[in-house]
C-alpha atoms as a PDB file:
ATOM      1  CA  MET A   1      30.555  82.485 -19.483  1.00  0.00           C
ATOM      2  CA  GLU A   2      31.010  79.281 -17.534  1.00  0.00           C
ATOM      3  CA  LEU A   3      28.137  76.860 -17.244  1.00  0.00           C
ATOM      4  CA  ASP A   4      29.342  75.547 -13.894  1.00  0.00           C
ATOM      5  CA  SER A   5      27.523  74.460 -10.777  1.00  0.00           C
ATOM      6  CA  LEU A   6      28.681  77.542  -8.867  1.00  0.00           C
ATOM      7  CA  THR A   7      26.638  79.708 -11.221  1.00  0.00           C
ATOM      8  CA  LEU A   8      23.638  77.445 -10.663  1.00  0.00           C
ATOM      9  CA  THR A   9      24.102  77.762  -6.900  1.00  0.00           C
ATOM     10  CA  ASP A  10      23.959  81.532  -7.221  1.00  0.00           C
ATOM     11  CA  ILE A  11      20.782  81.292  -9.321  1.00  0.00           C
ATOM     12  CA  ALA A  12      19.207  78.877  -6.818  1.00  0.00           C
ATOM     13  CA  LEU A  13      19.992  81.124  -3.846  1.00  0.00           C
ATOM     14  CA  ARG A  14      18.351  84.053  -5.599  1.00  0.00           C
ATOM     15  CA  HIS A  15      15.136  82.045  -6.038  1.00  0.00           C
ATOM     16  CA  LEU A  16      14.736  80.503  -2.601  1.00  0.00           C
ATOM     17  CA  PRO A  17      11.024  81.441  -2.243  1.00  0.00           C
ATOM     18  CA  LEU A  18      10.304  79.743  -5.561  1.00  0.00           C
ATOM     19  CA  ALA A  19      12.119  76.596  -4.415  1.00  0.00           C
ATOM     20  CA  GLY A  20      10.167  76.570  -1.153  1.00  0.00           C
ATOM     21  CA  PHE A  21       6.920  76.948  -3.108  1.00  0.00           C
ATOM     22  CA  HIS A  22       7.719  73.880  -5.194  1.00  0.00           C
ATOM     23  CA  HIS A  23       8.507  71.815  -2.114  1.00  0.00           C
ATOM     24  CA  LEU A  24       5.117  72.799  -0.696  1.00  0.00           C
ATOM     25  CA  LEU A  25       3.426  71.694  -3.928  1.00  0.00           C
ATOM     26  CA  ILE A  26       5.280  68.380  -3.801  1.00  0.00           C
ATOM     27  CA  ALA A  27       3.923  67.768  -0.286  1.00  0.00           C
ATOM     28  CA  VAL A  28       0.382  68.541  -1.477  1.00  0.00           C
ATOM     29  CA  LEU A  29       0.767  66.180  -4.451  1.00  0.00           C
ATOM     30  CA  ALA A  30       2.056  63.432  -2.164  1.00  0.00           C
ATOM     31  CA  VAL A  31      -1.054  63.737   0.022  1.00  0.00           C
ATOM     32  CA  MET A  32      -3.296  63.755  -3.068  1.00  0.00           C
ATOM     33  CA  TRP A  33      -1.593  60.652  -4.426  1.00  0.00           C
ATOM     34  CA  TRP A  34      -2.069  58.859  -1.126  1.00  0.00           C
ATOM     35  CA  LEU A  35      -5.791  59.720  -0.966  1.00  0.00           C
ATOM     36  CA  ARG A  36      -6.829  59.689  -4.645  1.00  0.00           C
ATOM     37  CA  ARG A  37      -4.305  57.657  -6.610  1.00  0.00           C
ATOM     38  CA  GLU A  38      -6.545  57.198  -9.636  1.00  0.00           C
ATOM     39  CA  GLU A  39      -7.088  60.931 -10.224  1.00  0.00           C
ATOM     40  CA  VAL A  40      -3.625  62.381  -9.672  1.00  0.00           C
ATOM     41  CA  GLY A  41      -2.348  61.852 -13.227  1.00  0.00           C
ATOM     42  CA  ARG A  42      -3.344  65.214 -14.698  1.00  0.00           C
ATOM     43  CA  PHE A  43      -2.179  67.013 -11.582  1.00  0.00           C
ATOM     44  CA  LEU A  44       1.269  65.430 -11.937  1.00  0.00           C
ATOM     45  CA  SER A  45       1.454  66.506 -15.589  1.00  0.00           C
ATOM     46  CA  ALA A  46       0.323  70.023 -14.704  1.00  0.00           C
ATOM     47  CA  TYR A  47       2.896  70.245 -11.926  1.00  0.00           C
ATOM     48  CA  MET A  48       5.738  69.081 -14.178  1.00  0.00           C
ATOM     49  CA  ALA A  49       4.692  71.705 -16.744  1.00  0.00           C
ATOM     50  CA  LEU A  50       4.782  74.354 -14.018  1.00  0.00           C
ATOM     51  CA  ALA A  51       8.155  73.135 -12.690  1.00  0.00           C
ATOM     52  CA  PHE A  52       9.836  73.326 -16.103  1.00  0.00           C
ATOM     53  CA  ALA A  53       8.194  76.689 -16.800  1.00  0.00           C
ATOM     54  CA  THR A  54       9.502  78.223 -13.567  1.00  0.00           C
ATOM     55  CA  THR A  55      12.916  76.706 -14.305  1.00  0.00           C
ATOM     56  CA  ALA A  56      12.983  78.504 -17.644  1.00  0.00           C
ATOM     57  CA  VAL A  57      12.007  81.781 -15.943  1.00  0.00           C
ATOM     58  CA  ALA A  58      14.622  81.366 -13.198  1.00  0.00           C
ATOM     59  CA  LEU A  59      17.417  80.702 -15.710  1.00  0.00           C
ATOM     60  CA  ARG A  60      16.460  83.796 -17.671  1.00  0.00           C
ATOM     61  CA  SER A  61      18.708  85.920 -15.458  1.00  0.00           C
ATOM     62  CA  HIS A  62      21.838  84.202 -16.808  1.00  0.00           C
ATOM     63  CA  PRO A  63      22.116  84.331 -20.620  1.00  0.00           C
ATOM     64  CA  ALA A  64      24.407  81.316 -20.928  1.00  0.00           C
ATOM     65  CA  TRP A  65      22.194  79.076 -18.829  1.00  0.00           C
ATOM     66  CA  TRP A  66      19.105  80.423 -20.598  1.00  0.00           C
ATOM     67  CA  LEU A  67      20.515  79.086 -23.855  1.00  0.00           C
ATOM     68  CA  ALA A  68      21.794  75.851 -22.286  1.00  0.00           C
ATOM     69  CA  GLY A  69      18.828  75.041 -20.054  1.00  0.00           C
ATOM     70  CA  GLY A  70      16.080  77.621 -20.231  1.00  0.00           C
ATOM     71  CA  LEU A  71      15.028  76.841 -23.795  1.00  0.00           C
ATOM     72  CA  VAL A  72      15.050  73.100 -23.110  1.00  0.00           C
ATOM     73  CA  SER A  73      12.964  73.641 -19.984  1.00  0.00           C
ATOM     74  CA  GLY A  74      10.486  75.705 -21.992  1.00  0.00           C
ATOM     75  CA  VAL A  75      10.084  72.930 -24.567  1.00  0.00           C
ATOM     76  CA  LEU A  76       9.579  70.300 -21.864  1.00  0.00           C
ATOM     77  CA  ALA A  77       7.058  72.556 -20.108  1.00  0.00           C
ATOM     78  CA  MET A  78       5.007  72.756 -23.326  1.00  0.00           C
ATOM     79  CA  ALA A  79       5.146  68.968 -23.714  1.00  0.00           C
ATOM     80  CA  TRP A  80       3.888  68.401 -20.167  1.00  0.00           C
ATOM     81  CA  LEU A  81       1.212  71.080 -20.581  1.00  0.00           C
ATOM     82  CA  ARG A  82      -0.096  69.266 -23.637  1.00  0.00           C
ATOM     83  CA  GLU A  83      -0.156  66.059 -21.635  1.00  0.00           C
ATOM     84  CA  ALA A  84      -2.116  67.775 -18.853  1.00  0.00           C
ATOM     85  CA  ILE A  85      -4.704  69.191 -21.276  1.00  0.00           C
ATOM     86  CA  ARG A  86      -5.048  66.127 -23.531  1.00  0.00           C
ATOM     87  CA  PRO A  87      -3.649  63.056 -21.772  1.00  0.00           C
ATOM     88  CA  ARG A  88      -2.173  60.477 -24.126  1.00  0.00           C
ATOM     89  CA  PHE A  89      -1.446  57.879 -21.458  1.00  0.00           C
ATOM     90  CA  ARG A  90      -2.786  56.897 -18.068  1.00  0.00           C
ATOM     91  CA  MET A  91      -0.503  57.540 -15.121  1.00  0.00           C
ATOM     92  CA  SER A  92      -0.905  54.352 -13.151  1.00  0.00           C
ATOM     93  CA  PHE A  93       1.522  52.928 -10.613  1.00  0.00           C
ATOM     94  CA  GLU A  94      -0.386  49.765  -9.713  1.00  0.00           C
ATOM     95  CA  ARG A  95       1.293  47.486 -12.269  1.00  0.00           C
ATOM     96  CA  THR A  96       4.811  48.880 -11.815  1.00  0.00           C
ATOM     97  CA  PRO A  97       7.278  46.294 -10.438  1.00  0.00           C
ATOM     98  CA  ARG A  98       8.108  46.953  -6.815  1.00  0.00           C
ATOM     99  CA  LEU A  99      11.848  47.093  -7.393  1.00  0.00           C
ATOM    100  CA  ARG A 100      11.493  49.707 -10.142  1.00  0.00           C
ATOM    101  CA  LEU A 101       9.034  51.722  -8.046  1.00  0.00           C
ATOM    102  CA  SER A 102      11.417  51.646  -5.068  1.00  0.00           C
ATOM    103  CA  LEU A 103      14.342  52.834  -7.210  1.00  0.00           C
ATOM    104  CA  MET A 104      12.285  55.678  -8.646  1.00  0.00           C
ATOM    105  CA  VAL A 105      11.168  56.724  -5.165  1.00  0.00           C
ATOM    106  CA  VAL A 106      14.851  57.043  -4.256  1.00  0.00           C
ATOM    107  CA  ALA A 107      15.478  59.073  -7.429  1.00  0.00           C
ATOM    108  CA  ALA A 108      12.537  61.353  -6.628  1.00  0.00           C
ATOM    109  CA  GLY A 109      13.933  61.781  -3.123  1.00  0.00           C
ATOM    110  CA  PHE A 110      17.247  62.953  -4.600  1.00  0.00           C
ATOM    111  CA  ALA A 111      15.312  65.420  -6.758  1.00  0.00           C
ATOM    112  CA  VAL A 112      13.423  66.841  -3.798  1.00  0.00           C
ATOM    113  CA  ALA A 113      16.601  67.030  -1.678  1.00  0.00           C
ATOM    114  CA  TYR A 114      19.088  67.805  -4.445  1.00  0.00           C
ATOM    115  CA  PRO A 115      22.326  68.707  -2.633  1.00  0.00           C
ATOM    116  CA  GLY A 116      24.943  71.299  -3.462  1.00  0.00           C
ATOM    117  CA  HIS A 117      22.847  74.314  -4.471  1.00  0.00           C
ATOM    118  CA  SER A 118      21.031  75.453  -1.324  1.00  0.00           C
ATOM    119  CA  GLY A 119      23.960  77.001   0.574  1.00  0.00           C
ATOM    120  CA  ASP A 120      23.642  76.531   4.330  1.00  0.00           C
ATOM    121  CA  LEU A 121      19.858  76.029   4.156  1.00  0.00           C
ATOM    122  CA  PRO A 122      18.229  72.573   4.484  1.00  0.00           C
ATOM    123  CA  VAL A 123      18.092  70.861   1.113  1.00  0.00           C
ATOM    124  CA  PHE A 124      14.720  69.185   1.744  1.00  0.00           C
ATOM    125  CA  ILE A 125      13.089  72.643   1.857  1.00  0.00           C
ATOM    126  CA  PHE A 126      15.201  74.838  -0.427  1.00  0.00           C
ATOM    127  CA  SER A 127      16.820  72.516  -2.959  1.00  0.00           C
ATOM    128  CA  PRO A 128      16.522  74.039  -6.470  1.00  0.00           C
ATOM    129  CA  LEU A 129      13.551  71.977  -7.611  1.00  0.00           C
ATOM    130  CA  GLY A 130      11.703  74.035 -10.211  1.00  0.00           C
ATOM    131  CA  VAL A 131      14.628  76.475 -10.346  1.00  0.00           C
ATOM    132  CA  THR A 132      17.431  74.553 -12.096  1.00  0.00           C
ATOM    133  CA  VAL A 133      17.278  71.861 -14.758  1.00  0.00           C
ATOM    134  CA  ARG A 134      18.848  68.791 -13.132  1.00  0.00           C
ATOM    135  CA  PRO A 135      16.585  68.214 -10.104  1.00  0.00           C
ATOM    136  CA  THR A 136      13.484  69.052 -12.146  1.00  0.00           C
ATOM    137  CA  LEU A 137      14.542  66.652 -14.885  1.00  0.00           C
ATOM    138  CA  LEU A 138      15.353  63.958 -12.328  1.00  0.00           C
ATOM    139  CA  LEU A 139      11.858  64.205 -10.830  1.00  0.00           C
ATOM    140  CA  ALA A 140      10.256  64.022 -14.284  1.00  0.00           C
ATOM    141  CA  LEU A 141      12.290  60.921 -15.146  1.00  0.00           C
ATOM    142  CA  ALA A 142      11.304  59.275 -11.867  1.00  0.00           C
ATOM    143  CA  VAL A 143       7.641  59.868 -12.701  1.00  0.00           C
ATOM    144  CA  LEU A 144       7.929  58.601 -16.290  1.00  0.00           C
ATOM    145  CA  ASN A 145       9.859  55.489 -15.261  1.00  0.00           C
ATOM    146  CA  SER A 146       7.269  54.654 -12.608  1.00  0.00           C
ATOM    147  CA  VAL A 147       4.094  54.818 -14.710  1.00  0.00           C
ATOM    148  CA  THR A 148       2.799  52.191 -17.100  1.00  0.00           C
ATOM    149  CA  PRO A 149       4.891  51.575 -20.222  1.00  0.00           C
ATOM    150  CA  THR A 150       2.160  53.137 -22.371  1.00  0.00           C
ATOM    151  CA  ALA A 151       3.602  56.583 -21.719  1.00  0.00           C
ATOM    152  CA  ASP A 152       4.327  58.733 -24.757  1.00  0.00           C
ATOM    153  CA  PRO A 153       7.634  57.469 -26.236  1.00  0.00           C
ATOM    154  CA  THR A 154       8.580  60.925 -27.533  1.00  0.00           C
ATOM    155  CA  LEU A 155       8.239  62.421 -24.056  1.00  0.00           C
ATOM    156  CA  ARG A 156      10.272  59.609 -22.521  1.00  0.00           C
ATOM    157  CA  TRP A 157      13.046  59.698 -25.136  1.00  0.00           C
ATOM    158  CA  THR A 158      13.376  63.479 -24.789  1.00  0.00           C
ATOM    159  CA  HIS A 159      13.730  63.303 -21.014  1.00  0.00           C
ATOM    160  CA  ALA A 160      16.120  60.349 -21.128  1.00  0.00           C
ATOM    161  CA  VAL A 161      18.514  61.958 -23.622  1.00  0.00           C
ATOM    162  CA  ALA A 162      18.394  65.308 -21.841  1.00  0.00           C
ATOM    163  CA  GLY A 163      19.035  63.576 -18.514  1.00  0.00           C
ATOM    164  CA  VAL A 164      22.166  61.852 -19.813  1.00  0.00           C
ATOM    165  CA  CYS A 165      23.556  65.124 -21.240  1.00  0.00           C
ATOM    166  CA  TYR A 166      22.842  67.258 -18.180  1.00  0.00           C
ATOM    167  CA  GLY A 167      23.911  64.500 -15.791  1.00  0.00           C
ATOM    168  CA  ILE A 168      27.324  64.037 -17.401  1.00  0.00           C
ATOM    169  CA  ALA A 169      27.838  67.813 -17.486  1.00  0.00           C
ATOM    170  CA  GLY A 170      26.845  67.949 -13.834  1.00  0.00           C
ATOM    171  CA  VAL A 171      29.348  65.269 -12.825  1.00  0.00           C
ATOM    172  CA  VAL A 172      32.145  67.199 -14.561  1.00  0.00           C
ATOM    173  CA  SER A 173      31.242  70.571 -13.061  1.00  0.00           C
ATOM    174  CA  ALA A 174      30.141  69.501  -9.554  1.00  0.00           C
ATOM    175  CA  PHE A 175      33.576  68.669  -8.105  1.00  0.00           C
ATOM    176  CA  PRO A 176      34.056  72.153  -6.550  1.00  0.00           C
ATOM    177  CA  LEU A 177      30.822  71.657  -4.582  1.00  0.00           C
ATOM    178  CA  GLY A 178      31.831  68.372  -2.965  1.00  0.00           C
ATOM    179  CA  PRO A 179      30.991  64.679  -3.352  1.00  0.00           C
ATOM    180  CA  ALA A 180      27.283  65.147  -2.586  1.00  0.00           C
ATOM    181  CA  SER A 181      26.756  67.144  -5.775  1.00  0.00           C
ATOM    182  CA  VAL A 182      28.684  64.576  -7.790  1.00  0.00           C
ATOM    183  CA  VAL A 183      26.514  61.773  -6.397  1.00  0.00           C
ATOM    184  CA  ALA A 184      23.345  63.733  -7.248  1.00  0.00           C
ATOM    185  CA  SER A 185      24.474  64.148 -10.855  1.00  0.00           C
ATOM    186  CA  LEU A 186      25.391  60.464 -11.008  1.00  0.00           C
ATOM    187  CA  VAL A 187      21.866  59.597  -9.862  1.00  0.00           C
ATOM    188  CA  LEU A 188      20.539  61.661 -12.788  1.00  0.00           C
ATOM    189  CA  VAL A 189      22.816  59.788 -15.213  1.00  0.00           C
ATOM    190  CA  LEU A 190      21.803  56.379 -13.856  1.00  0.00           C
ATOM    191  CA  THR A 191      18.096  57.250 -13.886  1.00  0.00           C
ATOM    192  CA  SER A 192      18.383  58.456 -17.486  1.00  0.00           C
ATOM    193  CA  CYS A 193      20.237  55.301 -18.549  1.00  0.00           C
ATOM    194  CA  TYR A 194      17.560  53.228 -16.824  1.00  0.00           C
ATOM    195  CA  ALA A 195      14.911  55.150 -18.791  1.00  0.00           C
ATOM    196  CA  LEU A 196      16.778  54.416 -22.023  1.00  0.00           C
ATOM    197  CA  ALA A 197      16.963  50.720 -21.125  1.00  0.00           C
ATOM    198  CA  LEU A 198      13.204  50.613 -20.476  1.00  0.00           C
ATOM    199  CA  LEU A 199      12.552  52.290 -23.820  1.00  0.00           C
ATOM    200  CA  ILE A 200      14.785  49.875 -25.734  1.00  0.00           C
ATOM    201  CA  VAL A 201      13.296  46.805 -24.045  1.00  0.00           C
ATOM    202  CA  GLY A 202       9.770  48.137 -24.576  1.00  0.00           C
ATOM    203  CA  ALA A 203      10.443  48.769 -28.268  1.00  0.00           C
ATOM    204  CA  ARG A 204      11.622  45.172 -28.691  1.00  0.00           C
ATOM    205  CA  GLU A 205       8.583  43.795 -26.916  1.00  0.00           C
ATOM    206  CA  ILE A 206       6.148  45.602 -29.224  1.00  0.00           C
ATOM    207  CA  ASP A 207       8.134  45.021 -32.395  1.00  0.00           C
ATOM    208  CA  PRO A 208       5.598  43.736 -34.982  1.00  0.00           C
ATOM    209  CA  GLY A 209       8.274  41.495 -36.510  1.00  0.00           C
ATOM    210  CA  ASP A 210       8.524  39.523 -33.267  1.00  0.00           C
ATOM    211  CA  ALA A 211       4.772  39.215 -32.764  1.00  0.00           C
ATOM    212  CA  PRO A 212       3.146  35.811 -33.377  1.00  0.00           C
ATOM    213  CA  GLY A 213       1.645  35.524 -36.816  1.00  0.00           C
ATOM    214  CA  ALA A 214      -1.519  33.600 -35.896  1.00  0.00           C
ATOM    215  CA  THR A 215      -3.547  36.686 -35.011  1.00  0.00           C
ATOM    216  CA  SER A 216      -5.381  37.435 -38.247  1.00  0.00           C
ATOM    217  CA  ILE A 217      -9.120  36.923 -38.603  1.00  0.00           C
ATOM    218  CA  GLN A 218      -8.644  34.080 -41.067  1.00  0.00           C
ATOM    219  CA  GLN A 219      -6.222  32.223 -38.812  1.00  0.00           C
ATOM    220  CA  LEU A 220      -8.347  32.704 -35.702  1.00  0.00           C
ATOM    221  CA  ARG A 221     -11.422  31.454 -37.560  1.00  0.00           C
ATOM    222  CA  THR A 222      -9.528  28.421 -38.833  1.00  0.00           C
ATOM    223  CA  ARG A 223      -8.316  27.559 -35.365  1.00  0.00           C
ATOM    224  CA  MET A 224     -11.794  28.050 -33.904  1.00  0.00           C
ATOM    225  CA  TYR A 225     -13.517  25.788 -36.452  1.00  0.00           C
ATOM    226  CA  GLN A 226     -10.843  23.165 -36.734  1.00  0.00           C
ATOM    227  CA  ARG A 227     -12.126  19.614 -36.792  1.00  0.00           C
ATOM    228  CA  HIS A 228      -9.685  17.948 -34.415  1.00  0.00           C
ATOM    229  CA  THR A 229      -9.402  19.703 -31.082  1.00  0.00           C
ATOM    230  CA  PHE A 230      -8.947  18.738 -27.474  1.00  0.00           C
ATOM    231  CA  LEU A 231     -11.383  21.419 -26.307  1.00  0.00           C
ATOM    232  CA  PRO A 232     -15.119  21.492 -27.039  1.00  0.00           C
ATOM    233  CA  GLY A 233     -16.097  24.258 -29.390  1.00  0.00           C
ATOM    234  CA  PRO A 234     -17.887  25.115 -32.614  1.00  0.00           C
ATOM    235  CA  ARG A 235     -17.055  23.205 -35.752  1.00  0.00           C
ATOM    236  CA  ASP A 236     -17.008  24.419 -39.295  1.00  0.00           C
ATOM    237  CA  PRO A 237     -20.631  24.201 -40.546  1.00  0.00           C
ATOM    238  CA  ARG A 238     -19.366  23.712 -44.099  1.00  0.00           C
ATOM    239  CA  GLN A 239     -17.912  20.344 -43.217  1.00  0.00           C
ATOM    240  CA  ARG A 240     -20.181  17.300 -43.420  1.00  0.00           C
ATOM    241  CA  ILE A 241     -20.925  15.694 -40.117  1.00  0.00           C
ATOM    242  CA  ARG A 242     -20.770  11.919 -40.270  1.00  0.00           C
ATOM    243  CA  LYS A 243     -23.754  10.336 -38.606  1.00  0.00           C
ATOM    244  CA  PRO A 244     -23.320   6.954 -37.001  1.00  0.00           C
ATOM    245  CA  ARG A 245     -24.889   4.151 -38.989  1.00  0.00           C
ATOM    246  CA  ARG A 246     -27.647   2.199 -37.325  1.00  0.00           C
ATOM    247  CA  ARG A 247     -27.201  -1.498 -37.181  1.00  0.00           C
ATOM    248  CA  PRO A 248     -30.071  -3.478 -38.654  1.00  0.00           C
END
């Protein structure tokens, strides 16, 4: 059994109503994010859980792809469902750098209009989002790379590693479908590598070995009650205060 992109195209064409349903949900989520940005976090997690769950169901019809992608999609669906029920991080886009947010918007656009698997139908309506692994994984990576860096590291590492593996496999197998499919798989690889870079840089920034040592209670108290300071502040009450002598 070949795990090629032609097989995925056949699976995607057999689930066109499901793909159209996911595109409709994406439009609804976009409107919700525009109107209520502070309350869309759980809805995004719930949607990603649903997208990976329907991907696992769609790949069930092909045993080879069920083993190669369906089981992984099921695991990721459970992880996102847990995040939707008990959020471990706040999905906020306000503090994301504009350049990173712009790049992830482009990556999400590739996920919504993933070329090469919709036949002669328009890709922005019937691309296999929520049907095959790569576009669904690309959208999840775009979301995780756009939110605050307090996102669950396990969730981010899992998506980043899976994105590199599926992206490289997609580049190798997408040549029969034309350059558009190759470019889409390359976008998945680049987005996954960008996620890995953010994780590595974030791990270095919060490394306790690199943190300044003057943060303990004893050190803060010493600095607060130090005798010689340029700023006005409390002094150590245990130290004797020299009173000026009065001249006779």
